[in-house]
Protein backbone atom coordinates (compact mmCIF):
# COMPACT_ATOMS: atom_id res chain seq x y z
CA MET A 1 49.12 307.78 -30.30
CA ALA A 2 49.08 307.24 -26.52
CA HIS A 3 50.46 303.97 -25.21
CA LYS A 4 49.76 302.19 -21.97
CA GLU A 5 52.11 303.00 -19.11
CA VAL A 6 53.89 299.79 -18.18
CA MET A 7 56.49 298.47 -15.75
CA ILE A 8 58.88 296.05 -17.47
CA PHE A 9 61.73 293.81 -16.39
CA GLN A 10 64.23 292.52 -18.96
CA LEU A 11 66.89 289.81 -18.74
CA GLY A 12 69.45 289.77 -21.52
CA THR A 13 71.68 286.94 -22.72
CA ASN A 14 74.52 289.09 -24.03
CA ASN A 15 76.54 292.08 -22.88
CA TRP A 16 75.79 295.66 -23.83
CA GLN A 17 78.17 297.49 -26.15
CA SER A 18 81.40 298.96 -24.82
CA VAL A 19 84.87 299.63 -26.19
CA GLU A 20 86.27 296.88 -23.97
CA GLU A 21 83.56 294.34 -24.82
CA PRO A 22 82.00 294.50 -28.30
CA ALA A 23 78.40 293.33 -28.25
CA PRO A 24 76.49 291.02 -30.57
CA GLY A 25 73.22 292.25 -32.05
CA SER A 26 70.96 290.98 -29.28
CA GLY A 27 73.01 292.81 -26.64
CA ILE A 28 72.83 296.04 -28.61
CA LEU A 29 69.08 295.56 -29.07
CA HIS A 30 68.47 294.89 -25.34
CA GLU A 31 70.22 298.12 -24.41
CA ALA A 32 68.31 300.06 -27.06
CA HIS A 33 64.98 298.61 -25.87
CA HIS A 34 65.84 299.45 -22.27
CA LEU A 35 66.43 303.07 -23.25
CA ALA A 36 63.38 303.25 -25.51
CA TYR A 37 60.98 301.85 -22.88
CA ASN A 38 62.32 304.25 -20.27
CA ALA A 39 61.83 307.14 -22.69
CA MET A 40 58.14 306.32 -23.14
CA PRO A 41 55.95 308.50 -20.88
CA GLY A 42 55.05 306.74 -17.65
CA CYS A 43 57.00 303.57 -18.53
CA HIS A 44 59.84 301.93 -16.63
CA SER A 45 62.29 299.21 -17.64
CA TYR A 46 64.66 297.53 -15.20
CA SER A 47 67.27 295.20 -16.67
CA VAL A 48 69.98 292.64 -15.96
CA TYR A 49 72.59 291.42 -18.42
CA PRO A 50 75.79 289.34 -18.16
CA SER A 51 79.32 290.50 -18.86
CA ALA A 52 82.71 288.86 -18.87
CA VAL A 53 84.41 292.23 -18.39
CA HIS A 54 82.29 294.63 -16.34
CA ALA A 55 80.61 294.36 -12.94
CA GLU A 56 78.52 297.52 -13.40
CA ASN A 57 77.40 300.04 -16.00
CA PRO A 58 77.58 303.51 -14.42
CA GLY A 59 76.51 305.14 -17.69
CA ARG A 60 73.04 303.56 -17.57
CA GLU A 61 70.21 303.75 -15.05
CA LYS A 62 67.96 300.92 -13.82
CA VAL A 63 70.37 298.17 -14.85
CA LYS A 64 72.57 295.66 -13.04
CA VAL A 65 75.39 293.63 -14.55
CA ALA A 66 76.03 289.98 -13.75
CA LYS A 67 79.83 289.70 -13.83
CA LEU A 68 80.69 286.19 -14.98
CA PRO A 69 83.84 284.25 -14.04
CA HIS A 70 84.11 283.15 -17.67
CA LYS A 71 83.23 284.30 -21.18
CA ILE A 72 79.56 284.73 -22.02
CA PRO A 73 78.31 281.34 -23.25
CA ILE A 74 76.97 281.12 -26.79
CA CYS A 75 74.43 278.85 -28.45
CA GLU A 76 76.19 278.08 -31.71
CA SER A 77 78.73 279.56 -34.09
CA VAL A 78 80.85 282.27 -32.46
CA SER A 79 80.42 285.72 -30.98
CA PRO A 80 82.79 288.70 -31.17
CA VAL A 81 83.82 288.15 -27.57
CA SER A 82 83.30 284.47 -26.81
CA ASP A 83 83.99 280.94 -28.00
CA LYS A 84 82.51 279.34 -24.88
CA ARG A 85 79.60 277.13 -25.88
CA TRP A 86 76.75 276.03 -23.65
CA HIS A 87 77.35 272.47 -24.82
CA GLY A 88 80.87 272.63 -23.42
CA MET A 89 79.66 273.49 -19.93
CA SER A 90 79.06 270.95 -17.18
CA ASP A 91 75.73 270.68 -15.37
CA ALA A 92 77.40 272.29 -12.34
CA GLU A 93 78.56 275.28 -14.44
CA ILE A 94 75.07 275.65 -15.90
CA GLU A 95 73.51 275.65 -12.43
CA GLU A 96 76.05 278.18 -11.17
CA TYR A 97 75.17 280.46 -14.10
CA LEU A 98 71.43 280.09 -13.51
CA LYS A 99 71.78 280.81 -9.79
CA ARG A 100 73.94 283.90 -10.38
CA LEU A 101 71.34 285.36 -12.75
CA GLU A 102 68.41 284.27 -10.58
CA ASP A 103 69.71 286.04 -7.48
CA LEU A 104 70.55 289.26 -9.31
CA CYS A 105 67.22 289.35 -11.18
CA TYR A 106 65.29 288.80 -7.96
CA GLU A 107 67.21 291.67 -6.35
CA GLN A 108 66.78 294.00 -9.34
CA MET A 109 63.04 293.34 -9.62
CA ALA A 110 62.62 294.21 -5.94
CA LEU A 111 64.66 297.38 -6.38
CA GLY A 112 62.49 298.48 -9.31
CA GLU A 113 59.31 298.06 -7.30
CA LYS A 114 60.81 299.95 -4.38
CA GLU A 115 62.00 302.88 -6.52
CA THR A 116 58.81 303.26 -8.56
CA GLY A 117 56.11 302.04 -6.20
CA LYS A 118 54.74 299.99 -9.12
CA THR A 119 54.36 296.30 -9.86
CA TYR A 120 55.62 294.63 -13.03
CA ASP A 121 53.24 294.28 -15.95
CA PHE A 122 55.49 291.72 -17.63
CA ALA A 123 59.05 290.41 -17.74
CA ILE A 124 60.92 289.90 -21.01
CA ALA A 125 63.52 287.13 -21.21
CA HIS A 126 65.69 287.55 -24.32
CA HIS A 127 66.34 284.43 -26.45
CA CYS A 128 64.32 281.21 -26.17
CA PHE A 129 66.63 279.46 -23.81
CA LEU A 130 68.01 279.61 -20.27
CA ASN A 131 66.74 283.12 -19.57
CA GLN A 132 63.24 281.68 -19.46
CA VAL A 133 64.50 279.11 -16.95
CA VAL A 134 65.98 281.89 -14.82
CA MET A 135 62.79 283.93 -14.91
CA GLN A 136 60.65 280.85 -14.26
CA ARG A 137 62.58 280.45 -10.99
CA VAL A 138 62.52 284.16 -10.12
CA ILE A 139 58.79 284.49 -10.67
CA LYS A 140 58.10 281.34 -8.65
CA LYS A 141 60.23 282.67 -5.79
CA ARG A 142 58.42 286.01 -5.88
CA VAL A 143 55.02 284.29 -5.77
CA GLU A 144 56.16 282.23 -2.79
CA GLY A 145 57.08 285.54 -1.15
CA GLY A 146 53.57 286.91 -1.65
CA LYS A 147 54.02 288.78 -4.94
CA ALA A 148 51.59 288.54 -7.82
CA LYS A 149 52.70 286.29 -10.67
CA THR A 150 54.43 288.41 -13.32
CA PRO A 151 53.56 287.43 -16.92
CA LEU A 152 56.63 286.13 -18.75
CA VAL A 153 57.44 287.04 -22.35
CA ALA A 154 60.12 285.40 -24.51
CA PHE A 155 61.92 287.60 -27.03
CA CYS A 156 63.10 285.15 -29.68
CA HIS A 157 66.26 286.34 -31.46
CA GLY A 158 67.01 283.13 -33.33
CA THR A 159 70.37 281.69 -32.28
CA ALA A 160 68.88 279.40 -29.61
CA LEU A 161 66.50 278.00 -32.21
CA LYS A 162 69.47 277.33 -34.50
CA MET A 163 71.07 275.42 -31.64
CA PHE A 164 67.89 273.36 -31.16
CA ASN A 165 67.97 272.61 -34.91
CA LEU A 166 71.48 271.23 -34.55
CA GLU A 167 70.48 269.11 -31.57
CA VAL A 168 67.51 267.64 -33.43
CA LYS A 169 69.66 266.92 -36.51
CA GLY A 170 72.04 264.91 -34.34
CA ASP A 171 75.08 267.12 -34.91
CA PRO A 172 77.86 265.52 -32.83
CA GLU A 173 78.98 268.93 -31.55
CA TYR A 174 75.45 269.60 -30.27
CA PRO A 175 74.14 266.44 -28.57
CA MET A 176 70.49 266.55 -27.50
CA ARG A 177 70.56 268.39 -24.17
CA PHE A 178 69.01 271.83 -23.94
CA LYS A 179 65.87 271.39 -26.04
CA LYS A 180 65.15 268.35 -23.87
CA MET A 181 65.79 270.48 -20.76
CA MET A 182 63.33 273.14 -21.91
CA GLU A 183 60.69 270.48 -22.56
CA GLU A 184 61.24 268.63 -19.28
CA LEU A 185 61.04 271.85 -17.24
CA LYS A 186 57.88 272.82 -19.18
CA VAL A 187 59.40 276.26 -19.51
CA PHE A 188 56.98 277.51 -22.14
CA ASP A 189 54.01 276.50 -20.01
CA ASP A 190 55.02 279.52 -17.91
CA VAL A 191 55.46 281.87 -20.88
CA GLN A 192 52.43 283.93 -21.87
CA ALA A 193 53.69 285.49 -25.11
CA VAL A 194 56.56 285.20 -27.59
CA VAL A 195 58.01 288.04 -29.66
CA THR A 196 59.86 286.94 -32.80
CA ILE A 197 61.93 289.03 -35.19
CA SER A 198 60.81 287.54 -38.52
CA GLU A 199 58.25 285.22 -40.03
CA ASP A 200 60.94 282.53 -40.45
CA ASN A 201 61.80 282.97 -36.78
CA LYS A 202 58.16 282.55 -35.80
CA LYS A 203 57.76 279.37 -37.85
CA MET A 204 60.92 277.91 -36.36
CA PHE A 205 59.76 278.63 -32.80
CA LEU A 206 56.39 276.95 -33.39
CA HIS A 207 58.17 274.01 -35.00
CA HIS A 208 60.19 273.43 -31.85
CA PHE A 209 57.36 274.23 -29.43
CA PRO A 210 54.19 273.18 -31.31
CA ASN A 211 51.96 273.21 -28.21
CA PHE A 212 52.41 276.94 -27.66
CA GLU A 213 49.37 279.03 -28.57
CA PRO A 214 50.13 280.49 -32.05
CA ALA A 215 47.90 283.53 -31.41
CA ASN A 216 50.30 284.58 -28.65
CA VAL A 217 53.34 284.58 -30.96
CA PHE A 218 53.87 287.71 -33.01
CA VAL A 219 56.51 289.27 -35.24
CA SER A 220 58.15 292.53 -34.27
CA MET A 221 60.80 293.52 -36.78
CA ASN A 222 63.82 294.97 -35.02
CA GLY A 223 64.16 298.71 -34.78
CA TYR A 224 67.23 300.90 -35.14
CA ASN A 225 68.31 304.09 -33.39
CA PRO A 226 67.66 307.03 -35.76
CA LEU A 227 69.76 309.32 -33.54
CA VAL A 228 72.80 307.22 -34.49
CA PHE A 229 72.06 305.77 -37.91
CA TYR A 230 71.41 308.55 -40.40
CA LYS A 231 73.20 309.82 -43.49
CA HIS A 232 76.39 311.59 -42.45
CA PRO A 233 77.74 314.39 -44.65
CA ASP A 234 81.28 313.06 -45.19
CA THR A 235 82.46 312.31 -48.71
CA LEU A 236 83.83 308.82 -49.32
CA GLN A 237 87.38 310.17 -49.29
CA GLU A 238 86.85 312.05 -46.00
CA GLY A 239 85.03 309.17 -44.35
CA LEU A 240 87.55 306.47 -45.24
CA SER A 241 90.48 308.56 -44.07
CA LYS A 242 89.06 308.57 -40.53
CA PHE A 243 89.57 304.82 -40.16
CA THR A 244 92.65 302.78 -39.34
CA THR A 245 93.08 299.13 -40.20
CA LYS A 246 93.36 296.43 -37.54
CA THR A 247 95.52 293.36 -37.83
CA TYR A 248 96.18 290.32 -35.66
CA GLU A 249 99.05 289.44 -33.36
CA GLY A 250 101.90 287.88 -35.25
CA SER A 251 100.72 289.05 -38.68
CA GLY A 252 103.91 290.97 -39.36
CA THR A 253 101.91 293.85 -40.85
CA GLU A 254 101.36 297.33 -39.46
CA CYS A 255 98.05 299.13 -39.05
CA GLN A 256 97.48 301.97 -41.52
CA THR A 257 95.09 304.82 -42.14
CA ILE A 258 92.89 303.97 -45.12
CA PRO A 259 94.03 306.12 -48.08
CA GLY A 260 90.59 307.50 -48.86
CA ASP A 261 91.76 309.72 -51.71
CA LYS A 262 92.56 306.62 -53.79
CA TYR A 263 88.93 305.51 -54.07
CA LYS A 264 85.65 306.58 -55.65
CA LYS A 265 83.60 303.48 -54.75
CA MET A 266 83.30 301.36 -51.61
CA VAL A 267 81.68 298.05 -50.67
CA LEU A 268 80.98 297.50 -46.95
CA PHE A 269 80.65 294.30 -44.91
CA VAL A 270 79.67 294.45 -41.22
CA GLY A 271 79.40 291.33 -39.10
CA LYS A 272 81.01 288.89 -36.72
CA PHE A 273 83.54 286.46 -38.13
CA ALA A 274 81.32 283.39 -38.08
CA ASP A 275 81.13 280.96 -40.98
CA TRP A 276 77.37 281.49 -41.48
CA LYS A 277 77.95 285.23 -42.00
CA ARG A 278 79.83 284.12 -45.14
CA LEU A 279 82.61 286.66 -45.13
CA ASP A 280 84.43 284.18 -47.36
CA MET A 281 81.88 284.96 -50.09
CA VAL A 282 82.52 288.70 -49.77
CA LEU A 283 86.30 288.32 -49.96
CA LYS A 284 86.16 285.99 -52.98
CA ALA A 285 83.75 288.33 -54.76
CA ALA A 286 86.02 291.26 -53.88
CA LYS A 287 88.85 289.65 -55.83
CA LEU A 288 86.60 289.84 -58.89
CA TYR A 289 85.00 293.27 -58.52
CA GLU A 290 88.13 295.03 -57.26
CA ALA A 291 89.88 293.88 -60.47
CA LYS A 292 87.03 295.27 -62.58
CA TYR A 293 86.83 298.59 -60.69
CA PRO A 294 90.32 299.91 -59.89
CA ASP A 295 88.85 302.78 -57.85
CA CYS A 296 86.74 300.51 -55.61
CA CYS A 297 87.73 299.30 -52.14
CA THR A 298 86.18 296.91 -49.62
CA VAL A 299 85.89 297.66 -45.90
CA ILE A 300 85.36 294.82 -43.42
CA ALA A 301 84.01 295.90 -40.01
CA GLY A 302 83.72 293.26 -37.32
CA THR A 303 85.74 290.76 -35.38
CA GLY A 304 85.76 287.28 -33.91
CA GLN A 305 87.95 284.92 -31.99
CA PRO A 306 91.71 285.26 -32.67
CA GLY A 307 91.79 282.15 -34.86
CA ASP A 308 88.90 283.40 -36.97
CA VAL A 309 90.45 286.85 -37.38
CA LYS A 310 93.70 285.27 -38.57
CA TYR A 311 91.80 282.91 -40.89
CA TYR A 312 89.95 285.67 -42.77
CA HIS A 313 92.97 288.01 -42.89
CA GLU A 314 95.06 285.24 -44.42
CA MET A 315 92.28 284.36 -46.84
CA ALA A 316 92.12 287.98 -47.98
CA PHE A 317 95.80 288.77 -48.28
CA LYS A 318 97.72 285.50 -48.66
CA GLU A 319 95.22 283.29 -50.49
CA LEU A 320 93.35 285.87 -52.58
CA GLY A 321 96.00 288.60 -52.79
CA LEU A 322 93.53 291.43 -52.13
CA GLU A 323 95.15 294.88 -52.16
CA LYS A 324 92.13 297.15 -51.73
CA THR A 325 90.41 295.41 -48.82
CA TYR A 326 90.65 296.91 -45.33
CA PHE A 327 89.81 295.24 -42.03
CA VAL A 328 88.91 297.90 -39.45
CA GLY A 329 87.87 295.62 -36.57
CA ALA A 330 84.90 296.05 -34.26
CA GLN A 331 83.45 299.56 -34.34
CA MET A 332 81.04 301.39 -32.07
CA GLN A 333 77.68 302.27 -33.62
CA PRO A 334 78.43 305.96 -34.48
CA GLU A 335 81.49 304.84 -36.47
CA LEU A 336 79.47 302.12 -38.22
CA ALA A 337 76.97 304.80 -39.22
CA ARG A 338 79.79 306.79 -40.82
CA LEU A 339 80.93 303.77 -42.79
CA CYS A 340 77.39 302.98 -43.90
CA SER A 341 76.94 306.59 -45.02
CA VAL A 342 79.95 306.65 -47.34
CA ALA A 343 79.58 303.13 -48.76
CA ASP A 344 78.06 302.61 -52.20
CA VAL A 345 76.49 299.33 -51.12
CA GLY A 346 76.34 297.19 -47.98
CA VAL A 347 76.92 293.46 -48.54
CA PHE A 348 75.66 291.05 -45.85
CA PRO A 349 75.19 287.57 -47.39
CA SER A 350 74.52 285.56 -44.23
CA LYS A 351 73.02 282.10 -44.37
CA ALA A 352 69.47 282.30 -42.93
CA GLU A 353 70.06 285.54 -41.00
CA PRO A 354 67.48 285.57 -38.14
CA PHE A 355 66.58 289.20 -38.84
CA GLY A 356 69.32 291.41 -40.27
CA MET A 357 69.55 294.61 -38.22
CA VAL A 358 72.66 295.63 -40.14
CA PHE A 359 70.51 295.88 -43.30
CA ILE A 360 68.19 298.36 -41.58
CA GLU A 361 71.04 300.41 -40.13
CA CYS A 362 72.80 300.58 -43.49
CA MET A 363 69.63 301.63 -45.31
CA ALA A 364 68.91 304.26 -42.66
CA CYS A 365 72.15 305.89 -43.81
CA GLY A 366 70.86 305.97 -47.40
CA THR A 367 72.87 302.99 -48.65
CA PRO A 368 71.38 300.07 -50.64
CA VAL A 369 72.01 296.49 -49.52
CA ILE A 370 72.77 293.06 -50.94
CA GLY A 371 72.05 289.91 -48.97
CA ALA A 372 71.02 286.29 -49.41
CA ASN A 373 67.48 285.17 -50.12
CA SER A 374 67.07 283.30 -46.83
CA GLY A 375 65.95 284.19 -43.32
CA GLY A 376 64.71 287.53 -42.02
CA PRO A 377 65.87 289.89 -44.81
CA ARG A 378 63.21 288.39 -47.10
CA ASP A 379 60.63 290.23 -45.01
CA PHE A 380 61.85 293.70 -45.99
CA VAL A 381 64.55 293.72 -48.71
CA SER A 382 63.04 294.27 -52.15
CA GLU A 383 64.52 295.45 -55.44
CA ASP A 384 63.52 298.97 -54.45
CA VAL A 385 66.31 299.01 -51.87
CA GLY A 386 68.75 296.33 -53.04
CA PHE A 387 68.86 292.68 -53.96
CA LEU A 388 68.87 289.19 -52.41
CA ILE A 389 70.93 286.61 -54.27
CA PRO A 390 69.47 283.08 -54.63
CA ASP A 391 70.30 280.92 -51.62
CA ASP A 392 68.47 277.63 -52.15
CA GLU A 393 71.23 275.39 -50.83
CA LEU A 394 72.21 277.54 -47.81
CA SER A 395 75.84 276.62 -48.49
CA VAL A 396 78.62 277.17 -45.94
CA PRO A 397 81.34 277.67 -47.04
CA SER A 398 80.22 279.60 -50.08
CA THR A 399 79.97 277.94 -53.47
CA ASP A 400 81.39 279.38 -56.69
CA LYS A 401 77.83 280.11 -57.79
CA LEU A 402 77.16 282.21 -54.68
CA VAL A 403 80.42 284.10 -55.17
CA ASN A 404 79.61 284.79 -58.83
CA ASP A 405 76.05 285.84 -57.99
CA LEU A 406 77.36 288.25 -55.37
CA PHE A 407 79.94 289.60 -57.82
CA SER A 408 77.21 290.20 -60.41
CA ALA A 409 74.99 291.97 -57.86
CA VAL A 410 77.82 294.26 -56.72
CA CYS A 411 78.65 295.12 -60.33
CA LYS A 412 75.00 295.96 -60.98
CA ALA A 413 74.89 298.15 -57.87
CA LEU A 414 77.99 300.07 -58.93
CA ASP A 415 77.17 300.30 -62.65
CA GLU A 416 73.62 301.49 -62.04
CA ASP A 417 74.59 303.78 -59.16
CA TRP A 418 72.12 302.30 -56.69
CA LYS A 419 73.34 304.80 -54.11
CA THR A 420 71.61 307.52 -56.14
CA THR A 421 68.67 305.56 -57.53
CA LYS A 422 67.77 303.36 -54.55
CA GLY A 423 69.21 305.37 -51.66
CA PRO A 424 66.08 307.53 -51.12
CA ASN A 425 63.93 304.38 -51.05
CA CYS A 426 66.22 302.92 -48.38
CA HIS A 427 65.73 305.83 -46.02
CA LYS A 428 61.99 305.87 -46.60
CA LEU A 429 61.69 302.14 -45.85
CA THR A 430 63.49 302.43 -42.52
CA GLU A 431 61.12 305.07 -41.17
CA ARG A 432 58.87 302.27 -39.91
CA PHE A 433 61.76 300.48 -38.20
CA SER A 434 62.69 302.99 -35.52
CA MET A 435 63.43 301.54 -32.09
CA ASN A 436 60.80 303.75 -30.46
CA GLU A 437 58.12 302.50 -32.87
CA GLN A 438 59.12 298.90 -32.29
CA CYS A 439 58.96 299.18 -28.50
CA ALA A 440 55.65 301.04 -28.59
CA GLY A 441 54.26 298.32 -30.86
CA ILE A 442 55.46 295.59 -28.51
CA VAL A 443 53.75 297.28 -25.56
CA ASP A 444 50.51 297.62 -27.53
CA LYS A 445 50.54 293.99 -28.69
CA LEU A 446 51.43 292.60 -25.26
CA SER A 447 48.76 294.78 -23.66
CA ASP A 448 46.21 293.00 -25.88
CA ILE A 449 47.57 289.48 -25.31
CA LEU A 450 48.04 289.90 -21.56
CA LYS A 451 44.85 291.99 -21.18
CA LEU A 452 46.70 294.73 -19.31
């Protein structure tokens, strides 16, 4: 199917993936979208993203990096690379951030037009937050300079909406500030379309911005990269033996190669060490299922701030006494694909996960998944590919009931050999979630809304 040739500008909120600076999901997605759009015949994507580590990205074309003098700010919870919250920043710091991004975006948009001889069909600002403020300024400045007004699109990932929820609830750590700013600046009056990543995400956006035209808000389930996430041929024993554990400074323990030949079953968790990811539930369930299955191990891939890393390591080894659980730290995507391929089941029990890309990536490697019955995973996880445990109370930290429900689901997955019985369904389901298909669908939908 032929798609319209478009010129796109994208502004990201988070860094792209590198060994020196692990990226959260939205940063990984922005990079993947940038590559996918540029791979579409006749299409161009120019991008800007912030980084606390790098000032450029020589491995990628048509992108500029905004080197920050501080960690990348986050909306709520934590990120793998930052504990700096927007609510902890002064008005002067916020303005400095906005100006830094505004100047670089203005420059990059001009460069794209010069290099291609084309004008922008639309600009995508990732997250429903300050990126729209930045692009509101950039577009206004361009119009004042004689350029046509570029349609602005918000790509709603979910964490900003969670922050607005906390502000509205009156959480003392999140005083009413940024939702009020967005309303006072009438930011969404200058946005022509909103892309959301799940039906829950869409409902939450319209709850916070009820005057936005619902017909111009649509769901685009996140895509994965099939060139990276596919079933690798390693056996469990071979795959595990390629990974070395990571510890934390002052732990008194040494890193070790995982003894793969000791195990015939494996449970995998991938995620940042944030309380709403509910790694505590996985570790407490592991104490139960590792006792029942002596040949089963648990691999934890991900990281967080030093205090969080220490907290979960001590929970696993000092509090729970786990002996077959291995923390391997943050991993690049090819290594994650190897872990997903050899796991018997992926366990990702987040509270109200905005979408759940890790579910898709795990299933693309032929591995069934277990999550919580809240948020985005409800849109695509069925009993054909795994299971969602009841999550009515959205409890953080995890309750005994959640732990026991997760334990029961893992036992069912291992006893019934879901890897064999559900694995083929997993791969089949993910065929419609490729990154190329997602980006082509976004272009088609925006072409209709914007009448391109």
